Amino acid sequence: MQLQEAVNRILQNDVRKIIVTTNDDLVPARRMYESIGFTMYQTRPNQHIAGMVGEHLDYVYFV
């Protein structure tokens, strides 16, 4: 999976935490992040991106 490969490459650089953001409507993205070990970190209201509905969801991956 390309996402797992990207995470593996990032972790080779002494990174201890990765945070990604998606939208609560993007269920496939949420499932993909969760499938490789990301967990929900926080939700934030969408105040800046016109045309994008729903909340921002931040997922975190800890080493």
PDB file of N, CA and C in Angstrom:
ATOM      1  N   MET A   1       0.849  -1.185   0.000  1.00  0.00           N
ATOM      2  CA  MET A   1       0.000   0.000   0.000  1.00  0.00           C
ATOM      3  C   MET A   1       0.891   1.243   0.000  1.00  0.00           C
ATOM      4  N   GLN A   2       0.562   2.215  -0.817  1.00  0.00           N
ATOM      5  CA  GLN A   2       1.387   3.417  -0.954  1.00  0.00           C
ATOM      6  C   GLN A   2       1.442   4.232   0.326  1.00  0.00           C
ATOM      7  N   LEU A   3       0.352   4.313   1.053  1.00  0.00           N
ATOM      8  CA  LEU A   3       0.360   5.075   2.305  1.00  0.00           C
ATOM      9  C   LEU A   3       1.320   4.451   3.304  1.00  0.00           C
ATOM     10  N   GLN A   4       1.302   3.144   3.429  1.00  0.00           N
ATOM     11  CA  GLN A   4       2.225   2.465   4.353  1.00  0.00           C
ATOM     12  C   GLN A   4       3.670   2.720   3.951  1.00  0.00           C
ATOM     13  N   GLU A   5       3.948   2.681   2.666  1.00  0.00           N
ATOM     14  CA  GLU A   5       5.301   2.954   2.180  1.00  0.00           C
ATOM     15  C   GLU A   5       5.719   4.390   2.525  1.00  0.00           C
ATOM     16  N   ALA A   6       4.826   5.339   2.359  1.00  0.00           N
ATOM     17  CA  ALA A   6       5.128   6.729   2.709  1.00  0.00           C
ATOM     18  C   ALA A   6       5.410   6.866   4.201  1.00  0.00           C
ATOM     19  N   VAL A   7       4.602   6.232   5.032  1.00  0.00           N
ATOM     20  CA  VAL A   7       4.820   6.279   6.483  1.00  0.00           C
ATOM     21  C   VAL A   7       6.167   5.649   6.827  1.00  0.00           C
ATOM     22  N   ASN A   8       6.491   4.517   6.226  1.00  0.00           N
ATOM     23  CA  ASN A   8       7.778   3.868   6.487  1.00  0.00           C
ATOM     24  C   ASN A   8       8.946   4.780   6.146  1.00  0.00           C
ATOM     25  N   ARG A   9       8.849   5.478   5.034  1.00  0.00           N
ATOM     26  CA  ARG A   9       9.930   6.392   4.639  1.00  0.00           C
ATOM     27  C   ARG A   9      10.043   7.573   5.600  1.00  0.00           C
ATOM     28  N   ILE A  10       8.925   8.104   6.021  1.00  0.00           N
ATOM     29  CA  ILE A  10       8.940   9.215   6.985  1.00  0.00           C
ATOM     30  C   ILE A  10       9.586   8.765   8.283  1.00  0.00           C
ATOM     31  N   LEU A  11       9.253   7.571   8.747  1.00  0.00           N
ATOM     32  CA  LEU A  11       9.765   7.073  10.022  1.00  0.00           C
ATOM     33  C   LEU A  11      11.262   6.791   9.990  1.00  0.00           C
ATOM     34  N   GLN A  12      11.854   6.669   8.819  1.00  0.00           N
ATOM     35  CA  GLN A  12      13.303   6.475   8.710  1.00  0.00           C
ATOM     36  C   GLN A  12      14.074   7.731   9.085  1.00  0.00           C
ATOM     37  N   ASN A  13      13.383   8.842   9.266  1.00  0.00           N
ATOM     38  CA  ASN A  13      14.026  10.123   9.574  1.00  0.00           C
ATOM     39  C   ASN A  13      13.811  10.547  11.021  1.00  0.00           C
ATOM     40  N   ASP A  14      13.786   9.593  11.945  1.00  0.00           N
ATOM     41  CA  ASP A  14      13.647   9.859  13.384  1.00  0.00           C
ATOM     42  C   ASP A  14      12.394  10.655  13.738  1.00  0.00           C
ATOM     43  N   VAL A  15      11.353  10.483  12.977  1.00  0.00           N
ATOM     44  CA  VAL A  15      10.075  11.134  13.274  1.00  0.00           C
ATOM     45  C   VAL A  15       9.363  10.309  14.337  1.00  0.00           C
ATOM     46  N   ARG A  16       8.763  10.957  15.310  1.00  0.00           N
ATOM     47  CA  ARG A  16       8.076  10.260  16.400  1.00  0.00           C
ATOM     48  C   ARG A  16       6.563  10.346  16.298  1.00  0.00           C
ATOM     49  N   LYS A  17       6.069  11.273  15.478  1.00  0.00           N
ATOM     50  CA  LYS A  17       4.624  11.457  15.358  1.00  0.00           C
ATOM     51  C   LYS A  17       4.313  12.013  13.974  1.00  0.00           C
ATOM     52  N   ILE A  18       3.274  11.463  13.341  1.00  0.00           N
ATOM     53  CA  ILE A  18       2.795  11.954  12.051  1.00  0.00           C
ATOM     54  C   ILE A  18       1.332  12.334  12.236  1.00  0.00           C
ATOM     55  N   ILE A  19       0.960  13.514  11.783  1.00  0.00           N
ATOM     56  CA  ILE A  19      -0.434  13.952  11.848  1.00  0.00           C
ATOM     57  C   ILE A  19      -0.920  14.205  10.429  1.00  0.00           C
ATOM     58  N   VAL A  20      -2.069  13.632  10.094  1.00  0.00           N
ATOM     59  CA  VAL A  20      -2.705  13.868   8.799  1.00  0.00           C
ATOM     60  C   VAL A  20      -4.099  14.417   9.052  1.00  0.00           C
ATOM     61  N   THR A  21      -4.603  15.184   8.104  1.00  0.00           N
ATOM     62  CA  THR A  21      -5.929  15.785   8.233  1.00  0.00           C
ATOM     63  C   THR A  21      -6.799  15.361   7.069  1.00  0.00           C
ATOM     64  N   THR A  22      -8.036  15.032   7.382  1.00  0.00           N
ATOM     65  CA  THR A  22      -9.019  14.715   6.358  1.00  0.00           C
ATOM     66  C   THR A  22     -10.339  15.368   6.765  1.00  0.00           C
ATOM     67  N   ASN A  23     -11.363  15.112   6.003  1.00  0.00           N
ATOM     68  CA  ASN A  23     -12.686  15.669   6.272  1.00  0.00           C
ATOM     69  C   ASN A  23     -13.580  14.548   6.764  1.00  0.00           C
ATOM     70  N   ASP A  24     -14.530  14.865   7.628  1.00  0.00           N
ATOM     71  CA  ASP A  24     -15.374  13.801   8.181  1.00  0.00           C
ATOM     72  C   ASP A  24     -16.234  13.112   7.124  1.00  0.00           C
ATOM     73  N   ASP A  25     -16.437  13.732   5.975  1.00  0.00           N
ATOM     74  CA  ASP A  25     -17.196  13.102   4.892  1.00  0.00           C
ATOM     75  C   ASP A  25     -16.368  12.093   4.087  1.00  0.00           C
ATOM     76  N   LEU A  26     -15.064  12.126   4.215  1.00  0.00           N
ATOM     77  CA  LEU A  26     -14.184  11.269   3.409  1.00  0.00           C
ATOM     78  C   LEU A  26     -13.919   9.944   4.129  1.00  0.00           C
ATOM     79  N   VAL A  27     -14.949   9.136   4.203  1.00  0.00           N
ATOM     80  CA  VAL A  27     -14.888   7.870   4.939  1.00  0.00           C
ATOM     81  C   VAL A  27     -13.805   6.931   4.404  1.00  0.00           C
ATOM     82  N   PRO A  28     -13.619   6.784   3.090  1.00  0.00           N
ATOM     83  CA  PRO A  28     -12.546   5.905   2.613  1.00  0.00           C
ATOM     84  C   PRO A  28     -11.157   6.346   3.101  1.00  0.00           C
ATOM     85  N   ALA A  29     -10.905   7.630   3.146  1.00  0.00           N
ATOM     86  CA  ALA A  29      -9.617   8.116   3.645  1.00  0.00           C
ATOM     87  C   ALA A  29      -9.466   7.790   5.125  1.00  0.00           C
ATOM     88  N   ARG A  30     -10.529   7.992   5.870  1.00  0.00           N
ATOM     89  CA  ARG A  30     -10.489   7.690   7.308  1.00  0.00           C
ATOM     90  C   ARG A  30     -10.180   6.216   7.536  1.00  0.00           C
ATOM     91  N   ARG A  31     -10.826   5.346   6.790  1.00  0.00           N
ATOM     92  CA  ARG A  31     -10.599   3.902   6.933  1.00  0.00           C
ATOM     93  C   ARG A  31      -9.164   3.522   6.546  1.00  0.00           C
ATOM     94  N   MET A  32      -8.647   4.170   5.508  1.00  0.00           N
ATOM     95  CA  MET A  32      -7.288   3.880   5.070  1.00  0.00           C
ATOM     96  C   MET A  32      -6.287   4.256   6.160  1.00  0.00           C
ATOM     97  N   TYR A  33      -6.425   5.454   6.738  1.00  0.00           N
ATOM     98  CA  TYR A  33      -5.522   5.866   7.818  1.00  0.00           C
ATOM     99  C   TYR A  33      -5.615   4.914   8.996  1.00  0.00           C
ATOM    100  N   GLU A  34      -6.828   4.581   9.394  1.00  0.00           N
ATOM    101  CA  GLU A  34      -7.032   3.691  10.537  1.00  0.00           C
ATOM    102  C   GLU A  34      -6.467   2.299  10.269  1.00  0.00           C
ATOM    103  N   SER A  35      -6.520   1.838   9.022  1.00  0.00           N
ATOM    104  CA  SER A  35      -6.076   0.484   8.701  1.00  0.00           C
ATOM    105  C   SER A  35      -4.578   0.281   8.887  1.00  0.00           C
ATOM    106  N   ILE A  36      -3.796   1.375   8.875  1.00  0.00           N
ATOM    107  CA  ILE A  36      -2.349   1.204   9.073  1.00  0.00           C
ATOM    108  C   ILE A  36      -1.876   1.744  10.418  1.00  0.00           C
ATOM    109  N   GLY A  37      -2.823   2.103  11.291  1.00  0.00           N
ATOM    110  CA  GLY A  37      -2.438   2.444  12.649  1.00  0.00           C
ATOM    111  C   GLY A  37      -2.634   3.876  13.087  1.00  0.00           C
ATOM    112  N   PHE A  38      -3.154   4.739  12.231  1.00  0.00           N
ATOM    113  CA  PHE A  38      -3.472   6.097  12.661  1.00  0.00           C
ATOM    114  C   PHE A  38      -4.697   6.044  13.573  1.00  0.00           C
ATOM    115  N   THR A  39      -4.729   6.922  14.570  1.00  0.00           N
ATOM    116  CA  THR A  39      -5.892   7.020  15.454  1.00  0.00           C
ATOM    117  C   THR A  39      -6.394   8.468  15.462  1.00  0.00           C
ATOM    118  N   MET A  40      -7.678   8.619  15.744  1.00  0.00           N
ATOM    119  CA  MET A  40      -8.284   9.952  15.788  1.00  0.00           C
ATOM    120  C   MET A  40      -7.603  10.775  16.879  1.00  0.00           C
ATOM    121  N   TYR A  41      -7.190  11.965  16.518  1.00  0.00           N
ATOM    122  CA  TYR A  41      -6.475  12.851  17.436  1.00  0.00           C
ATOM    123  C   TYR A  41      -7.380  13.993  17.896  1.00  0.00           C
ATOM    124  N   GLN A  42      -8.008  14.671  16.947  1.00  0.00           N
ATOM    125  CA  GLN A  42      -8.913  15.771  17.282  1.00  0.00           C
ATOM    126  C   GLN A  42      -9.794  16.115  16.089  1.00  0.00           C
ATOM    127  N   THR A  43     -10.890  16.793  16.363  1.00  0.00           N
ATOM    128  CA  THR A  43     -11.740  17.329  15.304  1.00  0.00           C
ATOM    129  C   THR A  43     -11.706  18.843  15.400  1.00  0.00           C
ATOM    130  N   ARG A  44     -11.796  19.483  14.246  1.00  0.00           N
ATOM    131  CA  ARG A  44     -11.778  20.945  14.191  1.00  0.00           C
ATOM    132  C   ARG A  44     -12.839  21.413  13.214  1.00  0.00           C
ATOM    133  N   PRO A  45     -13.508  22.515  13.509  1.00  0.00           N
ATOM    134  CA  PRO A  45     -14.494  23.030  12.555  1.00  0.00           C
ATOM    135  C   PRO A  45     -13.811  23.505  11.271  1.00  0.00           C
ATOM    136  N   ASN A  46     -14.494  23.319  10.165  1.00  0.00           N
ATOM    137  CA  ASN A  46     -13.990  23.795   8.883  1.00  0.00           C
ATOM    138  C   ASN A  46     -14.378  25.258   8.743  1.00  0.00           C
ATOM    139  N   GLN A  47     -13.403  26.133   8.823  1.00  0.00           N
ATOM    140  CA  GLN A  47     -13.678  27.565   8.730  1.00  0.00           C
ATOM    141  C   GLN A  47     -12.964  28.228   7.558  1.00  0.00           C
ATOM    142  N   HIS A  48     -12.113  27.477   6.869  1.00  0.00           N
ATOM    143  CA  HIS A  48     -11.243  28.138   5.903  1.00  0.00           C
ATOM    144  C   HIS A  48     -11.373  27.680   4.458  1.00  0.00           C
ATOM    145  N   ILE A  49     -11.920  26.522   4.217  1.00  0.00           N
ATOM    146  CA  ILE A  49     -11.947  26.003   2.856  1.00  0.00           C
ATOM    147  C   ILE A  49     -13.370  26.083   2.310  1.00  0.00           C
ATOM    148  N   ALA A  50     -13.586  26.980   1.383  1.00  0.00           N
ATOM    149  CA  ALA A  50     -14.915  27.149   0.788  1.00  0.00           C
ATOM    150  C   ALA A  50     -15.307  25.901   0.010  1.00  0.00           C
ATOM    151  N   GLY A  51     -16.544  25.511   0.121  1.00  0.00           N
ATOM    152  CA  GLY A  51     -17.055  24.372  -0.613  1.00  0.00           C
ATOM    153  C   GLY A  51     -16.815  23.032   0.056  1.00  0.00           C
ATOM    154  N   MET A  52     -16.039  23.004   1.118  1.00  0.00           N
ATOM    155  CA  MET A  52     -15.779  21.751   1.826  1.00  0.00           C
ATOM    156  C   MET A  52     -16.626  21.745   3.091  1.00  0.00           C
ATOM    157  N   VAL A  53     -17.533  20.820   3.162  1.00  0.00           N
ATOM    158  CA  VAL A  53     -18.471  20.769   4.279  1.00  0.00           C
ATOM    159  C   VAL A  53     -17.926  19.841   5.358  1.00  0.00           C
ATOM    160  N   GLY A  54     -18.414  20.014   6.562  1.00  0.00           N
ATOM    161  CA  GLY A  54     -18.048  19.108   7.641  1.00  0.00           C
ATOM    162  C   GLY A  54     -16.818  19.541   8.394  1.00  0.00           C
ATOM    163  N   GLU A  55     -16.443  18.724   9.360  1.00  0.00           N
ATOM    164  CA  GLU A  55     -15.311  19.042  10.216  1.00  0.00           C
ATOM    165  C   GLU A  55     -14.016  18.454   9.670  1.00  0.00           C
ATOM    166  N   HIS A  56     -12.909  19.068  10.073  1.00  0.00           N
ATOM    167  CA  HIS A  56     -11.594  18.504   9.798  1.00  0.00           C
ATOM    168  C   HIS A  56     -11.311  17.461  10.868  1.00  0.00           C
ATOM    169  N   LEU A  57     -10.759  16.335  10.471  1.00  0.00           N
ATOM    170  CA  LEU A  57     -10.383  15.286  11.397  1.00  0.00           C
ATOM    171  C   LEU A  57      -8.873  15.105  11.324  1.00  0.00           C
ATOM    172  N   ASP A  58      -8.218  15.236  12.445  1.00  0.00           N
ATOM    173  CA  ASP A  58      -6.774  15.003  12.514  1.00  0.00           C
ATOM    174  C   ASP A  58      -6.537  13.609  13.064  1.00  0.00           C
ATOM    175  N   TYR A  59      -5.728  12.852  12.336  1.00  0.00           N
ATOM    176  CA  TYR A  59      -5.325  11.508  12.766  1.00  0.00           C
ATOM    177  C   TYR A  59      -3.839  11.545  13.101  1.00  0.00           C
ATOM    178  N   VAL A  60      -3.456  10.786  14.101  1.00  0.00           N
ATOM    179  CA  VAL A  60      -2.067  10.769  14.521  1.00  0.00           C
ATOM    180  C   VAL A  60      -1.522   9.341  14.493  1.00  0.00           C
ATOM    181  N   TYR A  61      -0.236   9.244  14.162  1.00  0.00           N
ATOM    182  CA  TYR A  61       0.486   7.972  14.158  1.00  0.00           C
ATOM    183  C   TYR A  61       1.698   8.177  15.044  1.00  0.00           C
ATOM    184  N   PHE A  62       1.743   7.470  16.174  1.00  0.00           N
ATOM    185  CA  PHE A  62       2.870   7.566  17.093  1.00  0.00           C
ATOM    186  C   PHE A  62       3.810   6.376  16.900  1.00  0.00           C
ATOM    187  N   VAL A  63       5.086   6.631  17.036  1.00  0.00           N
ATOM    188  CA  VAL A  63       6.078   5.551  16.967  1.00  0.00           C
ATOM    189  C   VAL A  63       6.269   5.003  18.363  1.00  0.00           C
TER     190      VAL A  63
END
